[in-house]
Amino acid sequence: MKKGDKVRTKYTSAMVSKGATGVVQDTKNADRFPAMALIDFGSCVCWMFVREVEFLK
């Protein structure tokens, strides 16, 4: 995953609905925590776990 990739959410969360599409703005991968991505959904920008999104081609 890299900046500019388009993604879609797999689950509904407090901030976004299931199936919402967004663009990856930043990624974070620490040893003790799961990989995360900063995703811009247009109406909000939030950090999400990479396992909670699927990549679009």
Protein backbone atom coordinates (compact mmCIF):
# COMPACT_ATOMS: atom_id res chain seq x y z
CA MET A 1 0.00 0.00 0.00
CA LYS A 2 1.27 3.45 -0.86
CA LYS A 3 0.09 7.04 -0.96
CA GLY A 4 -2.57 7.59 -3.62
CA ASP A 5 -4.02 4.05 -3.58
CA LYS A 6 -7.83 3.86 -3.65
CA VAL A 7 -9.49 1.73 -0.97
CA ARG A 8 -12.98 0.69 0.13
CA THR A 9 -14.05 -0.06 3.71
CA LYS A 10 -15.10 -3.61 4.61
CA TYR A 11 -17.01 -2.67 7.78
CA THR A 12 -19.10 0.18 9.18
CA SER A 13 -17.33 2.28 11.81
CA ALA A 14 -18.21 5.36 13.83
CA MET A 15 -16.81 7.64 11.09
CA VAL A 16 -17.56 5.90 7.77
CA SER A 17 -20.06 3.46 6.28
CA LYS A 18 -19.35 0.06 4.81
CA GLY A 19 -18.29 0.41 1.18
CA ALA A 20 -17.09 4.01 1.48
CA THR A 21 -14.21 4.74 -0.90
CA GLY A 22 -11.20 6.89 -0.09
CA VAL A 23 -7.60 7.67 -0.98
CA VAL A 24 -4.60 6.68 1.15
CA GLN A 25 -2.70 9.75 2.40
CA ASP A 26 -0.14 8.12 4.73
CA THR A 27 0.76 4.74 6.25
CA LYS A 28 2.16 3.67 9.60
CA ASN A 29 3.65 0.27 10.32
CA ALA A 30 5.11 -0.16 13.83
CA ASP A 31 6.39 -3.40 15.29
CA ARG A 32 3.96 -3.58 18.20
CA PHE A 33 0.83 -2.32 16.42
CA PRO A 34 -1.09 -3.47 13.32
CA ALA A 35 -0.47 -1.57 10.08
CA MET A 36 -2.58 1.58 9.75
CA ALA A 37 -3.41 3.97 6.95
CA LEU A 38 -4.55 7.60 6.95
CA ILE A 39 -7.45 7.67 4.50
CA ASP A 40 -9.21 10.70 3.02
CA PHE A 41 -12.91 9.91 2.43
CA GLY A 42 -13.81 13.40 1.25
CA SER A 43 -16.05 14.17 4.22
CA CYS A 44 -13.46 13.09 6.80
CA VAL A 45 -9.87 11.96 7.13
CA CYS A 46 -9.18 9.18 9.64
CA TRP A 47 -6.71 6.46 10.58
CA MET A 48 -7.92 2.91 9.87
CA PHE A 49 -6.38 -0.52 10.23
CA VAL A 50 -5.20 -1.88 6.88
CA ARG A 51 -7.08 -5.14 7.56
CA GLU A 52 -10.36 -3.17 7.56
CA VAL A 53 -10.03 -1.94 3.95
CA GLU A 54 -9.82 -3.57 0.55
CA PHE A 55 -7.82 -2.16 -2.33
CA LEU A 56 -9.43 -1.03 -5.57
CA LYS A 57 -7.74 -1.31 -8.94
